């Protein structure tokens, strides 16, 4: 917590980032999973096995965590006016 205070990040900012990331995680992970499965099915020209579907779900979850954290951080920076456009 001390690191965030020294770097100018308030508890409100960190909380806002985490709350938005949590709210966006489920829909983003499902979207990434569906797109990934469809792409792989088209590439392989067949239905995927349960093992392959589970692998794609694990991959989608990792990608979703990275995406929602980056988006949430940048969104809150922009919303707070800390990026300084204009």
PDB file of N, CA and C in Angstrom:
ATOM      1  N   UNK A   1       0.824  -1.193   0.000  1.00  0.00           N
ATOM      2  CA  UNK A   1       0.000   0.000   0.000  1.00  0.00           C
ATOM      3  C   UNK A   1       0.867   1.255   0.000  1.00  0.00           C
ATOM      4  N   UNK A   2       1.990   1.207   0.705  1.00  0.00           N
ATOM      5  CA  UNK A   2       2.877   2.355   0.782  1.00  0.00           C
ATOM      6  C   UNK A   2       3.440   2.724  -0.589  1.00  0.00           C
ATOM      7  N   UNK A   3       3.677   1.723  -1.412  1.00  0.00           N
ATOM      8  CA  UNK A   3       4.205   1.968  -2.760  1.00  0.00           C
ATOM      9  C   UNK A   3       3.198   2.767  -3.594  1.00  0.00           C
ATOM     10  N   UNK A   4       1.901   2.403  -3.488  1.00  0.00           N
ATOM     11  CA  UNK A   4       0.880   3.101  -4.259  1.00  0.00           C
ATOM     12  C   UNK A   4       0.740   4.548  -3.812  1.00  0.00           C
ATOM     13  N   UNK A   5       0.852   4.794  -2.508  1.00  0.00           N
ATOM     14  CA  UNK A   5       0.719   6.156  -1.999  1.00  0.00           C
ATOM     15  C   UNK A   5       1.883   7.006  -2.501  1.00  0.00           C
ATOM     16  N   UNK A   6       3.086   6.445  -2.484  1.00  0.00           N
ATOM     17  CA  UNK A   6       4.244   7.198  -2.963  1.00  0.00           C
ATOM     18  C   UNK A   6       4.174   7.464  -4.456  1.00  0.00           C
ATOM     19  N   UNK A   7       3.595   6.549  -5.206  1.00  0.00           N
ATOM     20  CA  UNK A   7       3.543   6.734  -6.654  1.00  0.00           C
ATOM     21  C   UNK A   7       2.319   7.540  -7.084  1.00  0.00           C
ATOM     22  N   UNK A   8       1.510   7.994  -6.158  1.00  0.00           N
ATOM     23  CA  UNK A   8       0.383   8.848  -6.484  1.00  0.00           C
ATOM     24  C   UNK A   8      -0.916   8.098  -6.715  1.00  0.00           C
ATOM     25  N   UNK A   9      -0.944   6.782  -6.541  1.00  0.00           N
ATOM     26  CA  UNK A   9      -2.174   6.013  -6.727  1.00  0.00           C
ATOM     27  C   UNK A   9      -2.930   5.974  -5.410  1.00  0.00           C
ATOM     28  N   UNK A  10      -4.154   6.429  -5.450  1.00  0.00           N
ATOM     29  CA  UNK A  10      -4.965   6.412  -4.246  1.00  0.00           C
ATOM     30  C   UNK A  10      -5.682   5.073  -4.111  1.00  0.00           C
ATOM     31  N   UNK A  11      -6.197   4.840  -2.932  1.00  0.00           N
ATOM     32  CA  UNK A  11      -6.965   3.629  -2.682  1.00  0.00           C
ATOM     33  C   UNK A  11      -8.200   3.604  -3.571  1.00  0.00           C
ATOM     34  N   UNK A  12      -8.803   4.756  -3.790  1.00  0.00           N
ATOM     35  CA  UNK A  12      -9.977   4.847  -4.656  1.00  0.00           C
ATOM     36  C   UNK A  12      -9.636   4.424  -6.084  1.00  0.00           C
ATOM     37  N   UNK A  13      -8.507   4.876  -6.591  1.00  0.00           N
ATOM     38  CA  UNK A  13      -8.101   4.541  -7.957  1.00  0.00           C
ATOM     39  C   UNK A  13      -7.861   3.042  -8.092  1.00  0.00           C
ATOM     40  N   UNK A  14      -7.115   2.474  -7.171  1.00  0.00           N
ATOM     41  CA  UNK A  14      -6.819   1.038  -7.216  1.00  0.00           C
ATOM     42  C   UNK A  14      -8.110   0.242  -7.074  1.00  0.00           C
ATOM     43  N   UNK A  15      -8.980   0.657  -6.179  1.00  0.00           N
ATOM     44  CA  UNK A  15     -10.267  -0.016  -6.014  1.00  0.00           C
ATOM     45  C   UNK A  15     -11.117   0.055  -7.261  1.00  0.00           C
ATOM     46  N   UNK A  16     -11.119   1.213  -7.909  1.00  0.00           N
ATOM     47  CA  UNK A  16     -11.889   1.381  -9.145  1.00  0.00           C
ATOM     48  C   UNK A  16     -11.364   0.470 -10.256  1.00  0.00           C
ATOM     49  N   UNK A  17     -10.056   0.386 -10.356  1.00  0.00           N
ATOM     50  CA  UNK A  17      -9.446  -0.484 -11.369  1.00  0.00           C
ATOM     51  C   UNK A  17      -9.840  -1.931 -11.121  1.00  0.00           C
ATOM     52  N   UNK A  18      -9.724  -2.373  -9.881  1.00  0.00           N
ATOM     53  CA  UNK A  18     -10.029  -3.767  -9.568  1.00  0.00           C
ATOM     54  C   UNK A  18     -11.507  -4.093  -9.726  1.00  0.00           C
ATOM     55  N   UNK A  19     -12.383  -3.194  -9.312  1.00  0.00           N
ATOM     56  CA  UNK A  19     -13.822  -3.446  -9.450  1.00  0.00           C
ATOM     57  C   UNK A  19     -14.215  -3.539 -10.919  1.00  0.00           C
ATOM     58  N   UNK A  20     -13.744  -2.617 -11.739  1.00  0.00           N
ATOM     59  CA  UNK A  20     -14.065  -2.669 -13.163  1.00  0.00           C
ATOM     60  C   UNK A  20     -13.500  -3.926 -13.804  1.00  0.00           C
ATOM     61  N   UNK A  21     -12.294  -4.310 -13.423  1.00  0.00           N
ATOM     62  CA  UNK A  21     -11.684  -5.522 -13.973  1.00  0.00           C
ATOM     63  C   UNK A  21     -12.487  -6.762 -13.599  1.00  0.00           C
ATOM     64  N   UNK A  22     -12.946  -6.831 -12.370  1.00  0.00           N
ATOM     65  CA  UNK A  22     -13.750  -7.979 -11.934  1.00  0.00           C
ATOM     66  C   UNK A  22     -15.072  -8.031 -12.696  1.00  0.00           C
ATOM     67  N   UNK A  23     -15.705  -6.885 -12.881  1.00  0.00           N
ATOM     68  CA  UNK A  23     -16.982  -6.846 -13.593  1.00  0.00           C
ATOM     69  C   UNK A  23     -16.831  -7.225 -15.070  1.00  0.00           C
ATOM     70  N   UNK A  24     -15.715  -6.894 -15.664  1.00  0.00           N
ATOM     71  CA  UNK A  24     -15.510  -7.184 -17.090  1.00  0.00           C
ATOM     72  C   UNK A  24     -14.943  -8.576 -17.347  1.00  0.00           C
ATOM     73  N   UNK A  25     -14.417  -9.239 -16.334  1.00  0.00           N
ATOM     74  CA  UNK A  25     -13.708 -10.498 -16.544  1.00  0.00           C
ATOM     75  C   UNK A  25     -14.568 -11.578 -17.205  1.00  0.00           C
ATOM     76  N   UNK A  26     -15.744 -11.863 -16.676  1.00  0.00           N
ATOM     77  CA  UNK A  26     -16.559 -12.960 -17.193  1.00  0.00           C
ATOM     78  C   UNK A  26     -16.971 -12.750 -18.655  1.00  0.00           C
ATOM     79  N   UNK A  27     -17.557 -11.605 -19.020  1.00  0.00           N
ATOM     80  CA  UNK A  27     -17.951 -11.454 -20.426  1.00  0.00           C
ATOM     81  C   UNK A  27     -16.762 -11.442 -21.391  1.00  0.00           C
ATOM     82  N   UNK A  28     -15.652 -10.856 -20.977  1.00  0.00           N
ATOM     83  CA  UNK A  28     -14.481 -10.818 -21.858  1.00  0.00           C
ATOM     84  C   UNK A  28     -13.888 -12.211 -22.023  1.00  0.00           C
ATOM     85  N   UNK A  29     -13.826 -12.979 -20.944  1.00  0.00           N
ATOM     86  CA  UNK A  29     -13.266 -14.330 -21.060  1.00  0.00           C
ATOM     87  C   UNK A  29     -14.134 -15.207 -21.945  1.00  0.00           C
ATOM     88  N   UNK A  30     -15.452 -15.067 -21.854  1.00  0.00           N
ATOM     89  CA  UNK A  30     -16.344 -15.850 -22.717  1.00  0.00           C
ATOM     90  C   UNK A  30     -16.210 -15.429 -24.177  1.00  0.00           C
ATOM     91  N   UNK A  31     -16.091 -14.142 -24.415  1.00  0.00           N
ATOM     92  CA  UNK A  31     -15.927 -13.651 -25.784  1.00  0.00           C
ATOM     93  C   UNK A  31     -14.626 -14.156 -26.395  1.00  0.00           C
ATOM     94  N   UNK A  32     -13.545 -14.070 -25.646  1.00  0.00           N
ATOM     95  CA  UNK A  32     -12.248 -14.545 -26.137  1.00  0.00           C
ATOM     96  C   UNK A  32     -12.312 -16.049 -26.387  1.00  0.00           C
ATOM     97  N   UNK A  33     -12.969 -16.782 -25.490  1.00  0.00           N
ATOM     98  CA  UNK A  33     -13.080 -18.235 -25.627  1.00  0.00           C
ATOM     99  C   UNK A  33     -13.860 -18.614 -26.884  1.00  0.00           C
ATOM    100  N   UNK A  34     -15.003 -17.965 -27.098  1.00  0.00           N
ATOM    101  CA  UNK A  34     -15.829 -18.278 -28.274  1.00  0.00           C
ATOM    102  C   UNK A  34     -15.064 -17.982 -29.557  1.00  0.00           C
ATOM    103  N   UNK A  35     -14.418 -16.828 -29.623  1.00  0.00           N
ATOM    104  CA  UNK A  35     -13.662 -16.481 -30.828  1.00  0.00           C
ATOM    105  C   UNK A  35     -12.507 -17.452 -31.058  1.00  0.00           C
ATOM    106  N   UNK A  36     -11.857 -17.853 -29.984  1.00  0.00           N
ATOM    107  CA  UNK A  36     -10.737 -18.780 -30.078  1.00  0.00           C
ATOM    108  C   UNK A  36     -11.197 -20.164 -30.541  1.00  0.00           C
ATOM    109  N   UNK A  37     -12.299 -20.654 -29.985  1.00  0.00           N
ATOM    110  CA  UNK A  37     -12.817 -21.966 -30.367  1.00  0.00           C
ATOM    111  C   UNK A  37     -13.267 -21.959 -31.823  1.00  0.00           C
ATOM    112  N   UNK A  38     -13.977 -20.926 -32.229  1.00  0.00           N
ATOM    113  CA  UNK A  38     -14.439 -20.846 -33.619  1.00  0.00           C
ATOM    114  C   UNK A  38     -13.267 -20.800 -34.597  1.00  0.00           C
ATOM    115  N   UNK A  39     -12.247 -20.045 -34.252  1.00  0.00           N
ATOM    116  CA  UNK A  39     -11.074 -19.954 -35.122  1.00  0.00           C
ATOM    117  C   UNK A  39     -10.389 -21.313 -35.253  1.00  0.00           C
ATOM    118  N   UNK A  40     -10.237 -21.999 -34.133  1.00  0.00           N
ATOM    119  CA  UNK A  40      -9.581 -23.306 -34.160  1.00  0.00           C
ATOM    120  C   UNK A  40     -10.427 -24.349 -34.900  1.00  0.00           C
ATOM    121  N   UNK A  41     -11.743 -24.286 -34.742  1.00  0.00           N
ATOM    122  CA  UNK A  41     -12.621 -25.214 -35.463  1.00  0.00           C
ATOM    123  C   UNK A  41     -12.530 -24.996 -36.971  1.00  0.00           C
ATOM    124  N   UNK A  42     -12.497 -23.743 -37.381  1.00  0.00           N
ATOM    125  CA  UNK A  42     -12.356 -23.447 -38.815  1.00  0.00           C
ATOM    126  C   UNK A  42     -11.017 -23.930 -39.342  1.00  0.00           C
ATOM    127  N   UNK A  43      -9.977 -23.716 -38.555  1.00  0.00           N
ATOM    128  CA  UNK A  43      -8.629 -24.112 -38.966  1.00  0.00           C
ATOM    129  C   UNK A  43      -8.507 -25.628 -39.076  1.00  0.00           C
ATOM    130  N   UNK A  44      -9.075 -26.365 -38.122  1.00  0.00           N
ATOM    131  CA  UNK A  44      -8.974 -27.823 -38.086  1.00  0.00           C
ATOM    132  C   UNK A  44     -10.066 -28.519 -38.912  1.00  0.00           C
ATOM    133  N   UNK A  45     -11.130 -27.801 -39.260  1.00  0.00           N
ATOM    134  CA  UNK A  45     -12.268 -28.356 -40.006  1.00  0.00           C
ATOM    135  C   UNK A  45     -12.939 -29.521 -39.280  1.00  0.00           C
ATOM    136  N   UNK A  46     -13.068 -29.403 -37.970  1.00  0.00           N
ATOM    137  CA  UNK A  46     -13.711 -30.444 -37.166  1.00  0.00           C
ATOM    138  C   UNK A  46     -14.133 -29.853 -35.825  1.00  0.00           C
ATOM    139  N   UNK A  47     -14.959 -30.624 -35.107  1.00  0.00           N
ATOM    140  CA  UNK A  47     -15.341 -30.225 -33.753  1.00  0.00           C
ATOM    141  C   UNK A  47     -14.170 -30.512 -32.806  1.00  0.00           C
ATOM    142  N   UNK A  48     -14.045 -29.696 -31.782  1.00  0.00           N
ATOM    143  CA  UNK A  48     -12.947 -29.862 -30.828  1.00  0.00           C
ATOM    144  C   UNK A  48     -13.322 -30.832 -29.716  1.00  0.00           C
ATOM    145  N   UNK A  49     -12.342 -31.529 -29.196  1.00  0.00           N
ATOM    146  CA  UNK A  49     -12.565 -32.447 -28.075  1.00  0.00           C
ATOM    147  C   UNK A  49     -12.686 -31.647 -26.773  1.00  0.00           C
ATOM    148  N   UNK A  50     -13.116 -32.341 -25.722  1.00  0.00           N
ATOM    149  CA  UNK A  50     -13.258 -31.686 -24.417  1.00  0.00           C
ATOM    150  C   UNK A  50     -11.911 -31.169 -23.901  1.00  0.00           C
ATOM    151  N   UNK A  51     -10.856 -31.906 -24.144  1.00  0.00           N
ATOM    152  CA  UNK A  51      -9.519 -31.487 -23.705  1.00  0.00           C
ATOM    153  C   UNK A  51      -9.113 -30.204 -24.425  1.00  0.00           C
ATOM    154  N   UNK A  52      -9.375 -30.146 -25.727  1.00  0.00           N
ATOM    155  CA  UNK A  52      -9.042 -28.946 -26.497  1.00  0.00           C
ATOM    156  C   UNK A  52      -9.891 -27.761 -26.060  1.00  0.00           C
ATOM    157  N   UNK A  53     -11.171 -27.997 -25.779  1.00  0.00           N
ATOM    158  CA  UNK A  53     -12.042 -26.915 -25.301  1.00  0.00           C
ATOM    159  C   UNK A  53     -11.564 -26.386 -23.953  1.00  0.00           C
ATOM    160  N   UNK A  54     -11.164 -27.283 -23.071  1.00  0.00           N
ATOM    161  CA  UNK A  54     -10.661 -26.860 -21.766  1.00  0.00           C
ATOM    162  C   UNK A  54      -9.360 -26.075 -21.909  1.00  0.00           C
ATOM    163  N   UNK A  55      -8.506 -26.497 -22.817  1.00  0.00           N
ATOM    164  CA  UNK A  55      -7.270 -25.759 -23.078  1.00  0.00           C
ATOM    165  C   UNK A  55      -7.536 -24.360 -23.604  1.00  0.00           C
ATOM    166  N   UNK A  56      -8.515 -24.251 -24.489  1.00  0.00           N
ATOM    167  CA  UNK A  56      -8.881 -22.934 -25.013  1.00  0.00           C
ATOM    168  C   UNK A  56      -9.503 -22.056 -23.924  1.00  0.00           C
ATOM    169  N   UNK A  57     -10.258 -22.675 -23.011  1.00  0.00           N
ATOM    170  CA  UNK A  57     -10.853 -21.915 -21.906  1.00  0.00           C
ATOM    171  C   UNK A  57      -9.765 -21.380 -20.974  1.00  0.00           C
ATOM    172  N   UNK A  58      -8.776 -22.207 -20.660  1.00  0.00           N
ATOM    173  CA  UNK A  58      -7.666 -21.748 -19.815  1.00  0.00           C
ATOM    174  C   UNK A  58      -6.904 -20.611 -20.482  1.00  0.00           C
ATOM    175  N   UNK A  59      -6.678 -20.744 -21.772  1.00  0.00           N
ATOM    176  CA  UNK A  59      -5.984 -19.697 -22.537  1.00  0.00           C
ATOM    177  C   UNK A  59      -6.794 -18.405 -22.545  1.00  0.00           C
ATOM    178  N   UNK A  60      -8.116 -18.529 -22.735  1.00  0.00           N
ATOM    179  CA  UNK A  60      -8.991 -17.357 -22.765  1.00  0.00           C
ATOM    180  C   UNK A  60      -9.004 -16.650 -21.415  1.00  0.00           C
ATOM    181  N   UNK A  61      -8.949 -17.405 -20.343  1.00  0.00           N
ATOM    182  CA  UNK A  61      -8.947 -16.794 -19.005  1.00  0.00           C
ATOM    183  C   UNK A  61      -7.698 -15.962 -18.772  1.00  0.00           C
ATOM    184  N   UNK A  62      -6.559 -16.478 -19.185  1.00  0.00           N
ATOM    185  CA  UNK A  62      -5.305 -15.729 -19.018  1.00  0.00           C
ATOM    186  C   UNK A  62      -5.327 -14.458 -19.856  1.00  0.00           C
ATOM    187  N   UNK A  63      -5.763 -14.580 -21.102  1.00  0.00           N
ATOM    188  CA  UNK A  63      -5.843 -13.414 -21.980  1.00  0.00           C
ATOM    189  C   UNK A  63      -6.824 -12.394 -21.421  1.00  0.00           C
ATOM    190  N   UNK A  64      -7.955 -12.852 -20.892  1.00  0.00           N
ATOM    191  CA  UNK A  64      -8.969 -11.953 -20.342  1.00  0.00           C
ATOM    192  C   UNK A  64      -8.444 -11.186 -19.132  1.00  0.00           C
ATOM    193  N   UNK A  65      -7.693 -11.846 -18.277  1.00  0.00           N
ATOM    194  CA  UNK A  65      -7.139 -11.156 -17.099  1.00  0.00           C
ATOM    195  C   UNK A  65      -6.238 -10.015 -17.538  1.00  0.00           C
ATOM    196  N   UNK A  66      -5.373 -10.286 -18.485  1.00  0.00           N
ATOM    197  CA  UNK A  66      -4.459  -9.250 -18.979  1.00  0.00           C
ATOM    198  C   UNK A  66      -5.236  -8.114 -19.636  1.00  0.00           C
ATOM    199  N   UNK A  67      -6.213  -8.464 -20.470  1.00  0.00           N
ATOM    200  CA  UNK A  67      -6.990  -7.443 -21.185  1.00  0.00           C
ATOM    201  C   UNK A  67      -7.783  -6.554 -20.242  1.00  0.00           C
ATOM    202  N   UNK A  68      -8.506  -7.157 -19.283  1.00  0.00           N
ATOM    203  CA  UNK A  68      -9.365  -6.342 -18.425  1.00  0.00           C
ATOM    204  C   UNK A  68      -8.550  -5.483 -17.468  1.00  0.00           C
ATOM    205  N   UNK A  69      -7.409  -5.975 -17.008  1.00  0.00           N
ATOM    206  CA  UNK A  69      -6.578  -5.144 -16.136  1.00  0.00           C
ATOM    207  C   UNK A  69      -6.002  -3.949 -16.884  1.00  0.00           C
ATOM    208  N   UNK A  70      -5.517  -4.190 -18.102  1.00  0.00           N
ATOM    209  CA  UNK A  70      -4.984  -3.073 -18.900  1.00  0.00           C
ATOM    210  C   UNK A  70      -6.081  -2.071 -19.241  1.00  0.00           C
ATOM    211  N   UNK A  71      -7.230  -2.576 -19.704  1.00  0.00           N
ATOM    212  CA  UNK A  71      -8.327  -1.678 -20.064  1.00  0.00           C
ATOM    213  C   UNK A  71      -8.801  -0.886 -18.852  1.00  0.00           C
ATOM    214  N   UNK A  72      -8.998  -1.567 -17.735  1.00  0.00           N
ATOM    215  CA  UNK A  72      -9.500  -0.908 -16.538  1.00  0.00           C
ATOM    216  C   UNK A  72      -8.537   0.170 -16.043  1.00  0.00           C
ATOM    217  N   UNK A  73      -7.243  -0.132 -16.071  1.00  0.00           N
ATOM    218  CA  UNK A  73      -6.245   0.854 -15.647  1.00  0.00           C
ATOM    219  C   UNK A  73      -6.269   2.084 -16.558  1.00  0.00           C
ATOM    220  N   UNK A  74      -6.235   1.854 -17.867  1.00  0.00           N
ATOM    221  CA  UNK A  74      -6.243   2.984 -18.802  1.00  0.00           C
ATOM    222  C   UNK A  74      -7.556   3.751 -18.758  1.00  0.00           C
ATOM    223  N   UNK A  75      -8.672   3.044 -18.610  1.00  0.00           N
ATOM    224  CA  UNK A  75      -9.971   3.703 -18.516  1.00  0.00           C
ATOM    225  C   UNK A  75     -10.031   4.618 -17.298  1.00  0.00           C
ATOM    226  N   UNK A  76      -9.566   4.133 -16.162  1.00  0.00           N
ATOM    227  CA  UNK A  76      -9.597   4.944 -14.952  1.00  0.00           C
ATOM    228  C   UNK A  76      -8.611   6.102 -15.003  1.00  0.00           C
ATOM    229  N   UNK A  77      -7.477   5.917 -15.682  1.00  0.00           N
ATOM    230  CA  UNK A  77      -6.563   7.046 -15.882  1.00  0.00           C
ATOM    231  C   UNK A  77      -7.222   8.138 -16.713  1.00  0.00           C
ATOM    232  N   UNK A  78      -7.884   7.723 -17.784  1.00  0.00           N
ATOM    233  CA  UNK A  78      -8.562   8.686 -18.660  1.00  0.00           C
ATOM    234  C   UNK A  78      -9.716   9.358 -17.929  1.00  0.00           C
ATOM    235  N   UNK A  79     -10.495   8.571 -17.205  1.00  0.00           N
ATOM    236  CA  UNK A  79     -11.640   9.102 -16.484  1.00  0.00           C
ATOM    237  C   UNK A  79     -11.199  10.099 -15.416  1.00  0.00           C
ATOM    238  N   UNK A  80     -10.069   9.824 -14.778  1.00  0.00           N
ATOM    239  CA  UNK A  80      -9.560  10.703 -13.743  1.00  0.00           C
ATOM    240  C   UNK A  80      -8.819  11.915 -14.289  1.00  0.00           C
ATOM    241  N   UNK A  81      -8.618  11.973 -15.596  1.00  0.00           N
ATOM    242  CA  UNK A  81      -7.941  13.106 -16.208  1.00  0.00           C
ATOM    243  C   UNK A  81      -6.449  13.106 -16.002  1.00  0.00           C
ATOM    244  N   UNK A  82      -5.851  11.942 -15.723  1.00  0.00           N
ATOM    245  CA  UNK A  82      -4.408  11.902 -15.443  1.00  0.00           C
ATOM    246  C   UNK A  82      -3.564  11.720 -16.699  1.00  0.00           C
ATOM    247  N   UNK A  83      -4.196  11.462 -17.833  1.00  0.00           N
ATOM    248  CA  UNK A  83      -3.411  11.309 -19.057  1.00  0.00           C
ATOM    249  C   UNK A  83      -3.122  12.655 -19.717  1.00  0.00           C
ATOM    250  N   UNK A  84      -3.886  13.673 -19.402  1.00  0.00           N
ATOM    251  CA  UNK A  84      -3.586  15.014 -19.847  1.00  0.00           C
ATOM    252  C   UNK A  84      -3.808  15.283 -21.321  1.00  0.00           C
ATOM    253  N   UNK A  85      -4.910  14.819 -21.886  1.00  0.00           N
ATOM    254  CA  UNK A  85      -5.226  15.167 -23.276  1.00  0.00           C
ATOM    255  C   UNK A  85      -5.813  16.569 -23.300  1.00  0.00           C
ATOM    256  N   UNK A  86      -5.123  17.448 -23.966  1.00  0.00           N
ATOM    257  CA  UNK A  86      -5.651  18.782 -24.155  1.00  0.00           C
ATOM    258  C   UNK A  86      -5.422  19.645 -23.024  1.00  0.00           C
TER     259      UNK A  86
END
